[in-house]
Amino acid sequence: MPMIEGVTTKKLKVIPDERGFLMEMLRSDDEIFKQFGQVYLSVAYPGVVKGWHYHKKQTDNFTVVKGMLKVVLYDQREDSKTYGEINEFFIGELNPMLIVIPPLVVHGVTAVGPGPGYLVNCPTEVYNYESPDEYRIDPHGGEVPYDWNRKDG
């Protein structure tokens, strides 16, 4: 499965000691860093799909800090080499990773496992309450060719 054009990932390093652990998520000297907009936490409960949505200006930087999430991306950009491609990532405590999601790439998440998934996003833009750069698509409406049902076996 090819990576969607413009999407990058960074395997995160967990540094444990007797006090606990530290995990860097995104640094300003990372090659993948663009700019800072804000940081927020989003929690997804089991059985709930948060998505689909996309941005026209904003790049997202997703990391899951508690639990596990399935993060699904869809390339709706007709001028992209990977137009129509789907990428699935299972990230969180068992697979610490940062996912960089460029503008116009549709994305959604759902918790996998028994508990919620805690996602930290460091987008490149601040949220504009009067004119949000947030465009939504029904997660079960068929516009995105993806089935959110769990796949056993």
C-alpha atoms as a PDB file:
ATOM      1  CA  MET A   1       0.000   0.000   0.000  1.00  0.00           C
ATOM      2  CA  PRO A   2       1.627   3.278  -1.032  1.00  0.00           C
ATOM      3  CA  MET A   3       1.702   6.168   1.409  1.00  0.00           C
ATOM      4  CA  ILE A   4      -0.638   8.970   0.364  1.00  0.00           C
ATOM      5  CA  GLU A   5       1.320  11.804  -1.249  1.00  0.00           C
ATOM      6  CA  GLY A   6       2.343  14.361   1.383  1.00  0.00           C
ATOM      7  CA  VAL A   7       1.567  12.101   4.349  1.00  0.00           C
ATOM      8  CA  THR A   8       4.575  11.337   6.523  1.00  0.00           C
ATOM      9  CA  THR A   9       5.046   9.382   9.709  1.00  0.00           C
ATOM     10  CA  LYS A  10       7.603   9.468  12.467  1.00  0.00           C
ATOM     11  CA  LYS A  11       8.162   6.507  14.792  1.00  0.00           C
ATOM     12  CA  LEU A  12       8.249   7.958  18.284  1.00  0.00           C
ATOM     13  CA  LYS A  13      10.855   7.069  20.855  1.00  0.00           C
ATOM     14  CA  VAL A  14       9.755   6.325  24.407  1.00  0.00           C
ATOM     15  CA  ILE A  15      12.423   6.972  27.044  1.00  0.00           C
ATOM     16  CA  PRO A  16      11.536   5.175  30.293  1.00  0.00           C
ATOM     17  CA  ASP A  17      13.201   5.456  33.682  1.00  0.00           C
ATOM     18  CA  GLU A  18      12.240   4.728  37.293  1.00  0.00           C
ATOM     19  CA  ARG A  19      10.123   7.913  37.465  1.00  0.00           C
ATOM     20  CA  GLY A  20       7.976   7.119  34.406  1.00  0.00           C
ATOM     21  CA  PHE A  21       8.694   7.887  30.768  1.00  0.00           C
ATOM     22  CA  LEU A  22       9.095  10.693  28.258  1.00  0.00           C
ATOM     23  CA  MET A  23       7.983  10.652  24.629  1.00  0.00           C
ATOM     24  CA  GLU A  24       8.800  13.516  22.260  1.00  0.00           C
ATOM     25  CA  MET A  25       6.069  13.984  19.695  1.00  0.00           C
ATOM     26  CA  LEU A  26       7.059  16.896  17.439  1.00  0.00           C
ATOM     27  CA  ARG A  27      10.085  19.170  17.502  1.00  0.00           C
ATOM     28  CA  SER A  28      10.618  22.435  15.657  1.00  0.00           C
ATOM     29  CA  ASP A  29      13.893  21.018  14.307  1.00  0.00           C
ATOM     30  CA  ASP A  30      12.145  17.941  12.822  1.00  0.00           C
ATOM     31  CA  GLU A  31      12.299  17.821   9.030  1.00  0.00           C
ATOM     32  CA  ILE A  32       8.509  17.294   9.022  1.00  0.00           C
ATOM     33  CA  PHE A  33       7.730  20.381  11.161  1.00  0.00           C
ATOM     34  CA  LYS A  34       6.014  23.260   9.311  1.00  0.00           C
ATOM     35  CA  GLN A  35       4.697  25.722  11.879  1.00  0.00           C
ATOM     36  CA  PHE A  36       2.782  25.900  15.154  1.00  0.00           C
ATOM     37  CA  GLY A  37      -0.893  26.788  15.318  1.00  0.00           C
ATOM     38  CA  GLN A  38      -2.147  25.250  18.562  1.00  0.00           C
ATOM     39  CA  VAL A  39      -2.260  21.967  20.493  1.00  0.00           C
ATOM     40  CA  TYR A  40      -5.424  20.147  21.477  1.00  0.00           C
ATOM     41  CA  LEU A  41      -6.619  16.823  22.883  1.00  0.00           C
ATOM     42  CA  SER A  42      -9.439  14.843  21.261  1.00  0.00           C
ATOM     43  CA  VAL A  43     -10.848  11.680  22.835  1.00  0.00           C
ATOM     44  CA  ALA A  44     -12.576   8.972  20.784  1.00  0.00           C
ATOM     45  CA  TYR A  45     -14.803   6.485  22.585  1.00  0.00           C
ATOM     46  CA  PRO A  46     -15.026   2.831  21.480  1.00  0.00           C
ATOM     47  CA  GLY A  47     -17.628   2.246  18.792  1.00  0.00           C
ATOM     48  CA  VAL A  48     -17.608   5.880  17.622  1.00  0.00           C
ATOM     49  CA  VAL A  49     -16.198   7.172  14.330  1.00  0.00           C
ATOM     50  CA  LYS A  50     -14.853  10.722  14.474  1.00  0.00           C
ATOM     51  CA  GLY A  51     -14.695  11.869  10.875  1.00  0.00           C
ATOM     52  CA  TRP A  52     -14.669  12.223   8.016  1.00  0.00           C
ATOM     53  CA  HIS A  53     -13.230  15.700   7.813  1.00  0.00           C
ATOM     54  CA  TYR A  54     -10.502  17.643   6.047  1.00  0.00           C
ATOM     55  CA  HIS A  55      -8.928  21.080   5.954  1.00  0.00           C
ATOM     56  CA  LYS A  56      -8.071  23.391   3.063  1.00  0.00           C
ATOM     57  CA  LYS A  57      -5.119  25.165   4.768  1.00  0.00           C
ATOM     58  CA  GLN A  58      -4.245  23.221   7.891  1.00  0.00           C
ATOM     59  CA  THR A  59      -1.759  20.372   8.244  1.00  0.00           C
ATOM     60  CA  ASP A  60      -2.485  18.061  11.199  1.00  0.00           C
ATOM     61  CA  ASN A  61       0.137  16.321  13.340  1.00  0.00           C
ATOM     62  CA  PHE A  62      -1.584  13.396  15.106  1.00  0.00           C
ATOM     63  CA  THR A  63      -0.189  11.423  18.040  1.00  0.00           C
ATOM     64  CA  VAL A  64      -2.138   9.087  20.324  1.00  0.00           C
ATOM     65  CA  VAL A  65      -0.969   9.326  23.935  1.00  0.00           C
ATOM     66  CA  LYS A  66      -3.375   6.861  25.592  1.00  0.00           C
ATOM     67  CA  GLY A  67      -5.208   3.865  24.196  1.00  0.00           C
ATOM     68  CA  MET A  68      -5.168   2.906  20.530  1.00  0.00           C
ATOM     69  CA  LEU A  69      -6.804   4.519  17.511  1.00  0.00           C
ATOM     70  CA  LYS A  70      -7.317   3.448  13.958  1.00  0.00           C
ATOM     71  CA  VAL A  71      -6.527   6.533  11.861  1.00  0.00           C
ATOM     72  CA  VAL A  72      -7.799   6.320   8.287  1.00  0.00           C
ATOM     73  CA  LEU A  73      -6.781   8.706   5.501  1.00  0.00           C
ATOM     74  CA  TYR A  74      -8.310   9.110   2.034  1.00  0.00           C
ATOM     75  CA  ASP A  75      -6.684  11.090  -0.767  1.00  0.00           C
ATOM     76  CA  GLN A  76      -9.484  13.052  -2.451  1.00  0.00           C
ATOM     77  CA  ARG A  77      -7.056  15.365  -4.315  1.00  0.00           C
ATOM     78  CA  GLU A  78      -7.639  14.712  -8.019  1.00  0.00           C
ATOM     79  CA  ASP A  79      -4.216  16.163  -8.943  1.00  0.00           C
ATOM     80  CA  SER A  80      -2.370  13.850  -6.515  1.00  0.00           C
ATOM     81  CA  LYS A  81      -0.324  10.825  -7.625  1.00  0.00           C
ATOM     82  CA  THR A  82      -2.114   8.840  -4.924  1.00  0.00           C
ATOM     83  CA  TYR A  83      -5.666  10.055  -5.713  1.00  0.00           C
ATOM     84  CA  GLY A  84      -8.225   7.575  -4.369  1.00  0.00           C
ATOM     85  CA  GLU A  85      -5.763   5.789  -2.053  1.00  0.00           C
ATOM     86  CA  ILE A  86      -6.666   4.808   1.516  1.00  0.00           C
ATOM     87  CA  ASN A  87      -4.114   4.541   4.332  1.00  0.00           C
ATOM     88  CA  GLU A  88      -4.866   2.863   7.687  1.00  0.00           C
ATOM     89  CA  PHE A  89      -2.694   3.354  10.752  1.00  0.00           C
ATOM     90  CA  PHE A  90      -3.068   1.744  14.174  1.00  0.00           C
ATOM     91  CA  ILE A  91      -1.301   4.102  16.571  1.00  0.00           C
ATOM     92  CA  GLY A  92      -1.091   4.635  20.297  1.00  0.00           C
ATOM     93  CA  GLU A  93       0.436   2.996  23.315  1.00  0.00           C
ATOM     94  CA  LEU A  94       1.378  -0.164  21.403  1.00  0.00           C
ATOM     95  CA  ASN A  95       2.662   1.740  18.351  1.00  0.00           C
ATOM     96  CA  PRO A  96       3.781   5.295  19.225  1.00  0.00           C
ATOM     97  CA  MET A  97       3.815   7.320  16.024  1.00  0.00           C
ATOM     98  CA  LEU A  98       3.232  10.818  14.664  1.00  0.00           C
ATOM     99  CA  ILE A  99       1.178  11.135  11.463  1.00  0.00           C
ATOM    100  CA  VAL A 100       1.444  14.317   9.391  1.00  0.00           C
ATOM    101  CA  ILE A 101      -1.773  14.854   7.399  1.00  0.00           C
ATOM    102  CA  PRO A 102      -1.600  17.509   4.661  1.00  0.00           C
ATOM    103  CA  PRO A 103      -4.465  19.778   3.607  1.00  0.00           C
ATOM    104  CA  LEU A 104      -7.324  18.217   1.605  1.00  0.00           C
ATOM    105  CA  VAL A 105      -6.528  14.671   2.773  1.00  0.00           C
ATOM    106  CA  VAL A 106      -9.703  13.321   4.375  1.00  0.00           C
ATOM    107  CA  HIS A 107      -9.240  11.680   7.769  1.00  0.00           C
ATOM    108  CA  GLY A 108     -11.137   9.996  10.556  1.00  0.00           C
ATOM    109  CA  VAL A 109     -10.438   7.975  13.682  1.00  0.00           C
ATOM    110  CA  THR A 110     -12.016   5.293  15.808  1.00  0.00           C
ATOM    111  CA  ALA A 111     -10.848   3.719  19.060  1.00  0.00           C
ATOM    112  CA  VAL A 112      -9.635   0.138  18.843  1.00  0.00           C
ATOM    113  CA  GLY A 113      -9.629  -1.954  21.965  1.00  0.00           C
ATOM    114  CA  PRO A 114     -11.721  -1.738  25.109  1.00  0.00           C
ATOM    115  CA  GLY A 115     -11.106   1.895  26.052  1.00  0.00           C
ATOM    116  CA  PRO A 116     -11.016   5.374  24.543  1.00  0.00           C
ATOM    117  CA  GLY A 117      -8.131   6.710  22.483  1.00  0.00           C
ATOM    118  CA  TYR A 118      -6.579  10.059  23.435  1.00  0.00           C
ATOM    119  CA  LEU A 119      -5.299  11.951  20.399  1.00  0.00           C
ATOM    120  CA  VAL A 120      -3.062  15.008  20.650  1.00  0.00           C
ATOM    121  CA  ASN A 121      -3.000  17.204  17.551  1.00  0.00           C
ATOM    122  CA  CYS A 122      -0.547  20.014  16.877  1.00  0.00           C
ATOM    123  CA  PRO A 123      -2.030  21.610  13.742  1.00  0.00           C
ATOM    124  CA  THR A 124      -0.284  24.324  11.765  1.00  0.00           C
ATOM    125  CA  GLU A 125      -3.196  26.772  12.158  1.00  0.00           C
ATOM    126  CA  VAL A 126      -5.238  28.124  15.055  1.00  0.00           C
ATOM    127  CA  TYR A 127      -8.921  27.234  15.048  1.00  0.00           C
ATOM    128  CA  ASN A 128     -10.971  30.103  13.641  1.00  0.00           C
ATOM    129  CA  TYR A 129     -14.353  30.017  15.391  1.00  0.00           C
ATOM    130  CA  GLU A 130     -15.982  32.452  12.929  1.00  0.00           C
ATOM    131  CA  SER A 131     -14.745  30.666   9.790  1.00  0.00           C
ATOM    132  CA  PRO A 132     -13.405  27.196  10.622  1.00  0.00           C
ATOM    133  CA  ASP A 133     -11.103  25.399   8.187  1.00  0.00           C
ATOM    134  CA  GLU A 134     -13.101  22.239   8.860  1.00  0.00           C
ATOM    135  CA  TYR A 135     -15.081  20.401   6.187  1.00  0.00           C
ATOM    136  CA  ARG A 136     -17.114  17.324   7.091  1.00  0.00           C
ATOM    137  CA  ILE A 137     -18.233  14.214   5.213  1.00  0.00           C
ATOM    138  CA  ASP A 138     -20.647  11.596   6.610  1.00  0.00           C
ATOM    139  CA  PRO A 139     -18.490   8.666   7.834  1.00  0.00           C
ATOM    140  CA  HIS A 140     -21.080   6.141   6.682  1.00  0.00           C
ATOM    141  CA  GLY A 141     -22.474   7.984   3.644  1.00  0.00           C
ATOM    142  CA  GLY A 142     -20.424   6.239   0.964  1.00  0.00           C
ATOM    143  CA  GLU A 143     -18.682   9.347  -0.405  1.00  0.00           C
ATOM    144  CA  VAL A 144     -15.394   7.971   0.923  1.00  0.00           C
ATOM    145  CA  PRO A 145     -14.857   4.343  -0.207  1.00  0.00           C
ATOM    146  CA  TYR A 146     -14.162   2.926   3.261  1.00  0.00           C
ATOM    147  CA  ASP A 147     -16.091   0.625   5.593  1.00  0.00           C
ATOM    148  CA  TRP A 148     -15.568   1.502   9.276  1.00  0.00           C
ATOM    149  CA  ASN A 149     -16.809  -1.921  10.483  1.00  0.00           C
ATOM    150  CA  ARG A 150     -14.247  -3.980  12.360  1.00  0.00           C
ATOM    151  CA  LYS A 151     -12.533  -6.569  10.198  1.00  0.00           C
ATOM    152  CA  ASP A 152     -12.128  -9.865  12.038  1.00  0.00           C
ATOM    153  CA  GLY A 153      -9.741 -12.365  10.591  1.00  0.00           C
END
